[in-house]
Amino acid sequence: MVFEKTLNFLFGWAINLSSPWNIIVISFILTLIVDLSMKFLSDQKAMKFLKEESENIRKEIVKFKHDPQKMMELQKKQVESSMKYMWHSLTPTAFTLLPLLVIFNWLRNNPALSGETLINLPFAIPLIGSGLGWLGTYIISSIIFNIILRKLLKLH
């Protein structure tokens, strides 16, 4: 009840926009919050280093594809690097997960969005069909916004 009133206050104006703009605007806001939390709650220098290290190891693996012993050693090193990278991204994920789940539940139960097909595509997407609900619209627009915002915010 408290969450519902708070979310109606924060996002009610967006829900009242015409479809699909209501979900696209909410998607942008939530993606921005998640990306900003990633930028400020994670060690971006360490993440950049680990990403570059993983890329360099991947290049070495290609060089040593005919040496199984060296390849196994490099793959172990790459897994360790990937685990460190994932650990750095865990704090922002933990910080944003619960609020996002609450917001998704609010969106799912919002009468303005229930049963609504937001985008009617002129072609059918396999497994989805020709119309997307609010969740499909959110996912597609969130992916697009995430790509753009990660470039603008220089996230690693």
Foldseek 3Di string as FASTA:
>chain_A
DVLLVVCCVVLVVLLPDAFPRSLLVVLLVLLLLLVVLLLPQFDQVLLVVLVVVLVVLVVVLVVVVVPVVVNVVSVVVNVVSVVVNVVRSVVSCVVSVVVVVSVVVSQDPDPSQPPDFRAQAPAADPPQGRTDGSVVVSVVSNVVSNVVVCVVSVGD
